[in-house]
Amino acid sequence: MLSKAAIGIAAGICGTIFLGYCVYFDQKRRGDPNFKRKLKERRKAKEMANSRTGPRTKLPDMKDPEAVQCFFLKQIQMGEELLGQGDIDTAVDYLCNAVIVCGQPNQLLQVLQQTLPHQAFTLLAQRLPSAYRRVGMAEASAAAPQMAEEDVE
């Protein structure tokens, strides 16, 4: 039988070999001239996929008014910050989330129509039905506040 010391030494040697293997191939991967380009392409593709689908946010428990109010305020705040930075697409997604949880979406839309730039509000009106469907409120999307074309102008 092997002694405990021999088993410990063998395990240490195997661990060192495995660690050396990992370091060697990590250096080889990072040294590849196309590594950074491929990494940037993957990150850009992931960012584009996220921007097309909007921010994936989990809605709060609608029975908890405090959680709904906190979520609503955070979504409005993020939308305003992103509008200030010029990122209209993502800002509209956050504002859609706020409209979805709002108790009085028609009044909120009227306020947003008066305060948002025309382009942002038009985009909001277009994306709102799909936002209702995205969060699984298909029946609510049919009852979603309907904006006539003359209301948007």
N, C-alpha and C. Protein backbone atom coordinates (compact mmCIF):
# COMPACT_ATOMS: atom_id res chain seq x y z
N MET A 1 0.83 -1.19 0.00
CA MET A 1 0.00 0.00 0.00
C MET A 1 0.87 1.24 0.00
N LEU A 2 0.31 2.28 -0.56
CA LEU A 2 1.03 3.54 -0.59
C LEU A 2 0.81 4.29 0.71
N SER A 3 1.78 5.00 1.12
CA SER A 3 1.65 5.77 2.36
C SER A 3 0.91 7.09 2.07
N LYS A 4 0.44 7.69 3.12
CA LYS A 4 -0.28 8.97 2.98
C LYS A 4 0.63 10.04 2.39
N ALA A 5 1.90 10.01 2.70
CA ALA A 5 2.83 11.00 2.19
C ALA A 5 2.99 10.84 0.68
N ALA A 6 3.05 9.60 0.20
CA ALA A 6 3.20 9.35 -1.24
C ALA A 6 1.96 9.82 -1.99
N ILE A 7 0.79 9.56 -1.39
CA ILE A 7 -0.45 10.00 -2.03
C ILE A 7 -0.52 11.53 -2.06
N GLY A 8 -0.09 12.19 -0.99
CA GLY A 8 -0.07 13.65 -0.93
C GLY A 8 0.87 14.24 -1.96
N ILE A 9 2.04 13.63 -2.10
CA ILE A 9 3.02 14.11 -3.07
C ILE A 9 2.48 13.91 -4.50
N ALA A 10 1.86 12.78 -4.75
CA ALA A 10 1.30 12.51 -6.08
C ALA A 10 0.17 13.50 -6.39
N ALA A 11 -0.67 13.79 -5.41
CA ALA A 11 -1.75 14.76 -5.62
C ALA A 11 -1.18 16.15 -5.87
N GLY A 12 -0.14 16.52 -5.16
CA GLY A 12 0.50 17.83 -5.36
C GLY A 12 1.10 17.95 -6.75
N ILE A 13 1.74 16.88 -7.21
CA ILE A 13 2.34 16.89 -8.55
C ILE A 13 1.25 16.99 -9.62
N CYS A 14 0.18 16.23 -9.45
CA CYS A 14 -0.93 16.30 -10.41
C CYS A 14 -1.56 17.69 -10.43
N GLY A 15 -1.72 18.27 -9.26
CA GLY A 15 -2.28 19.63 -9.18
C GLY A 15 -1.39 20.64 -9.87
N THR A 16 -0.09 20.52 -9.67
CA THR A 16 0.86 21.43 -10.30
C THR A 16 0.85 21.27 -11.81
N ILE A 17 0.78 20.05 -12.28
CA ILE A 17 0.73 19.80 -13.73
C ILE A 17 -0.54 20.40 -14.31
N PHE A 18 -1.67 20.19 -13.63
CA PHE A 18 -2.93 20.74 -14.12
C PHE A 18 -2.88 22.26 -14.14
N LEU A 19 -2.36 22.87 -13.09
CA LEU A 19 -2.24 24.33 -13.04
C LEU A 19 -1.33 24.84 -14.15
N GLY A 20 -0.22 24.16 -14.38
CA GLY A 20 0.68 24.54 -15.47
C GLY A 20 -0.01 24.44 -16.82
N TYR A 21 -0.80 23.39 -17.02
CA TYR A 21 -1.57 23.20 -18.24
C TYR A 21 -2.54 24.37 -18.45
N CYS A 22 -3.24 24.76 -17.40
CA CYS A 22 -4.19 25.88 -17.49
C CYS A 22 -3.48 27.19 -17.83
N VAL A 23 -2.39 27.46 -17.15
CA VAL A 23 -1.65 28.70 -17.39
C VAL A 23 -1.10 28.73 -18.81
N TYR A 24 -0.54 27.60 -19.27
CA TYR A 24 0.03 27.53 -20.61
C TYR A 24 -1.03 27.85 -21.67
N PHE A 25 -2.18 27.19 -21.60
CA PHE A 25 -3.19 27.42 -22.63
C PHE A 25 -3.89 28.76 -22.49
N ASP A 26 -3.95 29.31 -21.29
CA ASP A 26 -4.50 30.65 -21.13
C ASP A 26 -3.57 31.67 -21.79
N GLN A 27 -2.28 31.51 -21.61
CA GLN A 27 -1.32 32.41 -22.26
C GLN A 27 -1.38 32.25 -23.78
N LYS A 28 -1.52 31.02 -24.24
CA LYS A 28 -1.61 30.78 -25.67
C LYS A 28 -2.88 31.42 -26.24
N ARG A 29 -3.99 31.31 -25.52
CA ARG A 29 -5.26 31.90 -25.96
C ARG A 29 -5.16 33.42 -26.00
N ARG A 30 -4.60 34.00 -24.94
CA ARG A 30 -4.48 35.45 -24.89
C ARG A 30 -3.47 35.99 -25.89
N GLY A 31 -2.50 35.20 -26.24
CA GLY A 31 -1.49 35.63 -27.21
C GLY A 31 -1.96 35.56 -28.64
N ASP A 32 -3.10 34.95 -28.85
CA ASP A 32 -3.66 34.84 -30.20
C ASP A 32 -3.97 36.24 -30.72
N PRO A 33 -3.51 36.58 -31.92
CA PRO A 33 -3.75 37.94 -32.45
C PRO A 33 -5.24 38.26 -32.65
N ASN A 34 -6.07 37.26 -32.82
CA ASN A 34 -7.49 37.49 -33.03
C ASN A 34 -8.31 37.45 -31.75
N PHE A 35 -7.67 37.17 -30.60
CA PHE A 35 -8.40 37.02 -29.35
C PHE A 35 -9.18 38.27 -28.98
N LYS A 36 -8.53 39.42 -29.00
CA LYS A 36 -9.21 40.65 -28.61
C LYS A 36 -10.32 41.01 -29.59
N ARG A 37 -10.07 40.80 -30.87
CA ARG A 37 -11.09 41.09 -31.87
C ARG A 37 -12.31 40.20 -31.66
N LYS A 38 -12.08 38.91 -31.45
CA LYS A 38 -13.20 37.98 -31.23
C LYS A 38 -13.95 38.33 -29.94
N LEU A 39 -13.22 38.71 -28.91
CA LEU A 39 -13.84 39.07 -27.65
C LEU A 39 -14.72 40.32 -27.81
N LYS A 40 -14.22 41.31 -28.54
CA LYS A 40 -15.01 42.52 -28.79
C LYS A 40 -16.25 42.20 -29.60
N GLU A 41 -16.11 41.32 -30.60
CA GLU A 41 -17.25 40.95 -31.42
C GLU A 41 -18.32 40.24 -30.58
N ARG A 42 -17.89 39.33 -29.69
CA ARG A 42 -18.84 38.63 -28.83
C ARG A 42 -19.55 39.60 -27.90
N ARG A 43 -18.81 40.52 -27.32
CA ARG A 43 -19.42 41.50 -26.41
C ARG A 43 -20.38 42.41 -27.15
N LYS A 44 -20.00 42.82 -28.36
CA LYS A 44 -20.87 43.69 -29.15
C LYS A 44 -22.15 42.96 -29.55
N ALA A 45 -22.01 41.69 -29.94
CA ALA A 45 -23.19 40.91 -30.31
C ALA A 45 -24.12 40.73 -29.11
N LYS A 46 -23.53 40.50 -27.96
CA LYS A 46 -24.35 40.34 -26.74
C LYS A 46 -25.05 41.65 -26.40
N GLU A 47 -24.34 42.77 -26.54
CA GLU A 47 -24.94 44.07 -26.27
C GLU A 47 -26.07 44.38 -27.25
N MET A 48 -25.87 44.03 -28.52
CA MET A 48 -26.91 44.26 -29.52
C MET A 48 -28.14 43.40 -29.22
N ALA A 49 -27.92 42.16 -28.80
CA ALA A 49 -29.05 41.29 -28.47
C ALA A 49 -29.81 41.85 -27.27
N ASN A 50 -29.10 42.38 -26.29
CA ASN A 50 -29.75 42.97 -25.12
C ASN A 50 -30.50 44.24 -25.48
N SER A 51 -29.95 45.03 -26.38
CA SER A 51 -30.61 46.28 -26.72
C SER A 51 -31.88 46.03 -27.54
N ARG A 52 -31.89 44.95 -28.32
CA ARG A 52 -33.09 44.63 -29.10
C ARG A 52 -34.21 44.13 -28.21
N THR A 53 -33.87 43.38 -27.18
CA THR A 53 -34.91 42.82 -26.33
C THR A 53 -35.25 43.71 -25.16
N GLY A 54 -34.48 44.72 -24.90
CA GLY A 54 -34.75 45.61 -23.79
C GLY A 54 -34.23 45.05 -22.49
N PRO A 55 -34.25 45.86 -21.47
CA PRO A 55 -33.75 45.37 -20.19
C PRO A 55 -34.67 44.30 -19.63
N ARG A 56 -34.09 43.19 -19.29
CA ARG A 56 -34.87 42.10 -18.72
C ARG A 56 -35.02 42.35 -17.23
N THR A 57 -36.15 42.89 -16.87
CA THR A 57 -36.39 43.18 -15.48
C THR A 57 -37.52 42.31 -14.97
N LYS A 58 -37.36 41.88 -13.75
CA LYS A 58 -38.38 41.08 -13.12
C LYS A 58 -39.33 42.04 -12.42
N LEU A 59 -40.59 41.92 -12.75
CA LEU A 59 -41.58 42.80 -12.16
C LEU A 59 -41.75 42.46 -10.68
N PRO A 60 -42.05 43.45 -9.88
CA PRO A 60 -42.27 43.19 -8.45
C PRO A 60 -43.61 42.50 -8.24
N ASP A 61 -43.81 42.04 -7.03
CA ASP A 61 -45.09 41.46 -6.66
C ASP A 61 -46.12 42.58 -6.69
N MET A 62 -47.10 42.44 -7.58
CA MET A 62 -48.07 43.51 -7.77
C MET A 62 -49.00 43.69 -6.57
N LYS A 63 -48.98 42.74 -5.65
CA LYS A 63 -49.81 42.84 -4.45
C LYS A 63 -49.11 43.64 -3.35
N ASP A 64 -47.82 43.92 -3.54
CA ASP A 64 -47.05 44.68 -2.56
C ASP A 64 -46.88 46.11 -3.08
N PRO A 65 -47.71 47.05 -2.60
CA PRO A 65 -47.66 48.41 -3.14
C PRO A 65 -46.32 49.11 -2.92
N GLU A 66 -45.65 48.79 -1.84
CA GLU A 66 -44.36 49.42 -1.57
C GLU A 66 -43.30 48.98 -2.58
N ALA A 67 -43.30 47.68 -2.90
CA ALA A 67 -42.35 47.16 -3.89
C ALA A 67 -42.65 47.72 -5.28
N VAL A 68 -43.93 47.82 -5.60
CA VAL A 68 -44.33 48.36 -6.90
C VAL A 68 -43.91 49.83 -7.01
N GLN A 69 -44.11 50.59 -5.95
CA GLN A 69 -43.74 52.01 -5.97
C GLN A 69 -42.23 52.18 -6.10
N CYS A 70 -41.47 51.37 -5.37
CA CYS A 70 -40.01 51.44 -5.46
C CYS A 70 -39.54 51.08 -6.87
N PHE A 71 -40.10 50.02 -7.44
CA PHE A 71 -39.75 49.60 -8.80
C PHE A 71 -40.10 50.70 -9.80
N PHE A 72 -41.28 51.27 -9.67
CA PHE A 72 -41.74 52.33 -10.56
C PHE A 72 -40.78 53.52 -10.53
N LEU A 73 -40.42 53.95 -9.33
CA LEU A 73 -39.52 55.11 -9.21
C LEU A 73 -38.14 54.81 -9.79
N LYS A 74 -37.63 53.60 -9.58
CA LYS A 74 -36.32 53.24 -10.13
C LYS A 74 -36.36 53.23 -11.66
N GLN A 75 -37.45 52.71 -12.23
CA GLN A 75 -37.57 52.65 -13.68
C GLN A 75 -37.65 54.05 -14.28
N ILE A 76 -38.42 54.92 -13.65
CA ILE A 76 -38.52 56.31 -14.12
C ILE A 76 -37.16 57.00 -14.01
N GLN A 77 -36.47 56.79 -12.89
CA GLN A 77 -35.17 57.42 -12.69
C GLN A 77 -34.16 56.95 -13.73
N MET A 78 -34.12 55.63 -13.98
CA MET A 78 -33.19 55.10 -14.98
C MET A 78 -33.54 55.64 -16.37
N GLY A 79 -34.82 55.72 -16.67
CA GLY A 79 -35.24 56.27 -17.97
C GLY A 79 -34.80 57.71 -18.15
N GLU A 80 -34.97 58.51 -17.09
CA GLU A 80 -34.57 59.92 -17.16
C GLU A 80 -33.06 60.06 -17.31
N GLU A 81 -32.30 59.25 -16.56
CA GLU A 81 -30.84 59.32 -16.65
C GLU A 81 -30.37 58.95 -18.06
N LEU A 82 -30.94 57.89 -18.61
CA LEU A 82 -30.53 57.46 -19.94
C LEU A 82 -30.94 58.46 -21.01
N LEU A 83 -32.09 59.10 -20.83
CA LEU A 83 -32.48 60.16 -21.77
C LEU A 83 -31.48 61.31 -21.71
N GLY A 84 -31.05 61.65 -20.50
CA GLY A 84 -30.07 62.72 -20.34
C GLY A 84 -28.74 62.38 -21.00
N GLN A 85 -28.42 61.08 -21.06
CA GLN A 85 -27.17 60.64 -21.69
C GLN A 85 -27.33 60.46 -23.20
N GLY A 86 -28.58 60.55 -23.68
CA GLY A 86 -28.82 60.42 -25.11
C GLY A 86 -29.14 59.01 -25.56
N ASP A 87 -29.28 58.06 -24.64
CA ASP A 87 -29.59 56.68 -24.98
C ASP A 87 -31.11 56.50 -24.97
N ILE A 88 -31.76 56.92 -26.04
CA ILE A 88 -33.22 56.96 -26.10
C ILE A 88 -33.81 55.55 -26.10
N ASP A 89 -33.20 54.61 -26.84
CA ASP A 89 -33.76 53.26 -26.95
C ASP A 89 -33.88 52.58 -25.59
N THR A 90 -32.80 52.57 -24.83
CA THR A 90 -32.83 51.92 -23.52
C THR A 90 -33.72 52.68 -22.55
N ALA A 91 -33.71 54.00 -22.64
CA ALA A 91 -34.55 54.81 -21.77
C ALA A 91 -36.02 54.50 -21.99
N VAL A 92 -36.41 54.32 -23.23
CA VAL A 92 -37.81 54.01 -23.54
C VAL A 92 -38.19 52.64 -22.96
N ASP A 93 -37.25 51.69 -22.98
CA ASP A 93 -37.54 50.38 -22.39
C ASP A 93 -37.82 50.50 -20.89
N TYR A 94 -37.03 51.30 -20.19
CA TYR A 94 -37.27 51.50 -18.75
C TYR A 94 -38.59 52.22 -18.52
N LEU A 95 -38.90 53.20 -19.35
CA LEU A 95 -40.16 53.91 -19.19
C LEU A 95 -41.35 53.00 -19.49
N CYS A 96 -41.20 52.06 -20.42
CA CYS A 96 -42.25 51.07 -20.68
C CYS A 96 -42.50 50.23 -19.43
N ASN A 97 -41.43 49.83 -18.76
CA ASN A 97 -41.59 49.06 -17.53
C ASN A 97 -42.34 49.87 -16.49
N ALA A 98 -42.07 51.16 -16.41
CA ALA A 98 -42.76 52.01 -15.44
C ALA A 98 -44.24 52.11 -15.78
N VAL A 99 -44.57 52.24 -17.05
CA VAL A 99 -45.97 52.33 -17.46
C VAL A 99 -46.70 51.02 -17.14
N ILE A 100 -46.01 49.89 -17.32
CA ILE A 100 -46.63 48.60 -17.08
C ILE A 100 -47.08 48.46 -15.63
N VAL A 101 -46.26 48.90 -14.68
CA VAL A 101 -46.62 48.73 -13.26
C VAL A 101 -47.43 49.88 -12.72
N CYS A 102 -47.59 50.93 -13.50
CA CYS A 102 -48.31 52.11 -13.03
C CYS A 102 -49.80 51.80 -12.86
N GLY A 103 -50.37 52.30 -11.81
CA GLY A 103 -51.79 52.10 -11.56
C GLY A 103 -52.67 52.89 -12.50
N GLN A 104 -52.18 54.01 -12.98
CA GLN A 104 -52.94 54.87 -13.89
C GLN A 104 -52.08 55.18 -15.12
N PRO A 105 -51.95 54.21 -16.04
CA PRO A 105 -51.05 54.40 -17.18
C PRO A 105 -51.47 55.53 -18.11
N ASN A 106 -52.76 55.79 -18.24
CA ASN A 106 -53.19 56.86 -19.15
C ASN A 106 -52.70 58.22 -18.66
N GLN A 107 -52.81 58.48 -17.36
CA GLN A 107 -52.33 59.75 -16.82
C GLN A 107 -50.81 59.86 -16.94
N LEU A 108 -50.11 58.74 -16.70
CA LEU A 108 -48.66 58.76 -16.83
C LEU A 108 -48.26 59.05 -18.28
N LEU A 109 -48.96 58.44 -19.22
CA LEU A 109 -48.64 58.67 -20.63
C LEU A 109 -48.89 60.13 -21.03
N GLN A 110 -49.92 60.73 -20.46
CA GLN A 110 -50.17 62.14 -20.75
C GLN A 110 -49.03 63.01 -20.22
N VAL A 111 -48.55 62.70 -19.02
CA VAL A 111 -47.43 63.46 -18.46
C VAL A 111 -46.18 63.23 -19.30
N LEU A 112 -45.93 61.98 -19.67
CA LEU A 112 -44.75 61.68 -20.48
C LEU A 112 -44.82 62.34 -21.85
N GLN A 113 -46.02 62.43 -22.41
CA GLN A 113 -46.18 63.08 -23.71
C GLN A 113 -45.79 64.55 -23.63
N GLN A 114 -46.08 65.19 -22.51
CA GLN A 114 -45.76 66.60 -22.35
C GLN A 114 -44.29 66.82 -22.01
N THR A 115 -43.65 65.84 -21.37
CA THR A 115 -42.28 66.06 -20.89
C THR A 115 -41.20 65.43 -21.77
N LEU A 116 -41.52 64.34 -22.46
CA LEU A 116 -40.51 63.67 -23.27
C LEU A 116 -40.35 64.34 -24.63
N PRO A 117 -39.17 64.21 -25.23
CA PRO A 117 -39.01 64.65 -26.61
C PRO A 117 -39.95 63.83 -27.51
N HIS A 118 -40.36 64.43 -28.61
CA HIS A 118 -41.33 63.80 -29.52
C HIS A 118 -40.85 62.43 -29.97
N GLN A 119 -39.58 62.31 -30.33
CA GLN A 119 -39.03 61.04 -30.82
C GLN A 119 -39.12 59.96 -29.74
N ALA A 120 -38.81 60.31 -28.51
CA ALA A 120 -38.84 59.34 -27.42
C ALA A 120 -40.27 58.90 -27.12
N PHE A 121 -41.21 59.84 -27.13
CA PHE A 121 -42.58 59.47 -26.83
C PHE A 121 -43.19 58.61 -27.94
N THR A 122 -42.85 58.91 -29.19
CA THR A 122 -43.33 58.10 -30.31
C THR A 122 -42.82 56.67 -30.17
N LEU A 123 -41.55 56.52 -29.84
CA LEU A 123 -40.96 55.21 -29.65
C LEU A 123 -41.63 54.49 -28.48
N LEU A 124 -41.92 55.21 -27.42
CA LEU A 124 -42.60 54.63 -26.26
C LEU A 124 -43.98 54.10 -26.65
N ALA A 125 -44.73 54.89 -27.42
CA ALA A 125 -46.06 54.47 -27.84
C ALA A 125 -45.99 53.24 -28.74
N GLN A 126 -44.94 53.12 -29.53
CA GLN A 126 -44.80 51.97 -30.41
C GLN A 126 -44.41 50.72 -29.64
N ARG A 127 -43.56 50.86 -28.63
CA ARG A 127 -43.03 49.70 -27.92
C ARG A 127 -43.91 49.22 -26.77
N LEU A 128 -44.86 50.00 -26.35
CA LEU A 128 -45.64 49.65 -25.18
C LEU A 128 -46.41 48.33 -25.33
N PRO A 129 -47.10 48.07 -26.44
CA PRO A 129 -47.79 46.77 -26.55
C PRO A 129 -46.84 45.58 -26.50
N SER A 130 -45.68 45.68 -27.15
CA SER A 130 -44.73 44.56 -27.09
C SER A 130 -44.13 44.43 -25.71
N ALA A 131 -44.01 45.52 -24.97
CA ALA A 131 -43.50 45.44 -23.60
C ALA A 131 -44.48 44.69 -22.71
N TYR A 132 -45.77 44.93 -22.90
CA TYR A 132 -46.78 44.18 -22.14
C TYR A 132 -46.67 42.69 -22.45
N ARG A 133 -46.49 42.35 -23.72
CA ARG A 133 -46.36 40.94 -24.10
C ARG A 133 -45.08 40.34 -23.55
N ARG A 134 -43.98 41.12 -23.55
CA ARG A 134 -42.69 40.63 -23.09
C ARG A 134 -42.72 40.23 -21.63
N VAL A 135 -43.46 40.94 -20.82
CA VAL A 135 -43.51 40.62 -19.40
C VAL A 135 -44.61 39.62 -19.08
N GLY A 136 -45.28 39.13 -20.10
CA GLY A 136 -46.27 38.10 -19.89
C GLY A 136 -47.64 38.62 -19.54
N MET A 137 -47.93 39.82 -19.92
CA MET A 137 -49.24 40.39 -19.65
C MET A 137 -49.98 40.55 -20.97
N ALA A 138 -50.14 39.44 -21.69
CA ALA A 138 -50.75 39.49 -23.02
C ALA A 138 -52.17 40.02 -22.95
N GLU A 139 -52.91 39.62 -21.91
CA GLU A 139 -54.28 40.12 -21.81
C GLU A 139 -54.29 41.61 -21.53
N ALA A 140 -53.26 42.09 -20.84
CA ALA A 140 -53.20 43.53 -20.55
C ALA A 140 -52.77 44.31 -21.78
N SER A 141 -52.05 43.66 -22.72
CA SER A 141 -51.61 44.40 -23.90
C SER A 141 -52.80 44.78 -24.77
N ALA A 142 -53.85 43.97 -24.72
CA ALA A 142 -55.05 44.32 -25.48
C ALA A 142 -55.74 45.51 -24.84
N ALA A 143 -55.65 45.58 -23.50
CA ALA A 143 -56.27 46.69 -22.78
C ALA A 143 -55.28 47.82 -22.54
N ALA A 144 -54.09 47.73 -23.13
CA ALA A 144 -53.07 48.76 -22.94
C ALA A 144 -53.59 50.09 -23.46
N PRO A 145 -53.11 51.16 -22.86
CA PRO A 145 -53.57 52.46 -23.33
C PRO A 145 -53.26 52.61 -24.81
N GLN A 146 -54.28 52.87 -25.59
CA GLN A 146 -54.11 53.01 -27.02
C GLN A 146 -53.86 54.47 -27.34
N MET A 147 -52.85 54.71 -28.14
CA MET A 147 -52.49 56.06 -28.54
C MET A 147 -52.82 56.21 -30.01
N ALA A 148 -53.69 57.10 -30.30
CA ALA A 148 -54.00 57.37 -31.70
C ALA A 148 -52.85 58.16 -32.30
N GLU A 149 -52.73 58.13 -33.61
CA GLU A 149 -51.63 58.82 -34.28
C GLU A 149 -51.69 60.31 -34.01
N GLU A 150 -52.89 60.88 -33.91
CA GLU A 150 -52.98 62.34 -33.65
C GLU A 150 -52.60 62.65 -32.20
N ASP A 151 -52.71 61.64 -31.29
CA ASP A 151 -52.30 61.87 -29.90
C ASP A 151 -50.81 62.00 -29.78
N VAL A 152 -50.07 61.29 -30.63
CA VAL A 152 -48.62 61.29 -30.57
C VAL A 152 -48.06 62.61 -31.05
N GLU A 153 -48.73 63.26 -31.99
CA GLU A 153 -48.22 64.51 -32.54
C GLU A 153 -48.51 65.65 -31.66
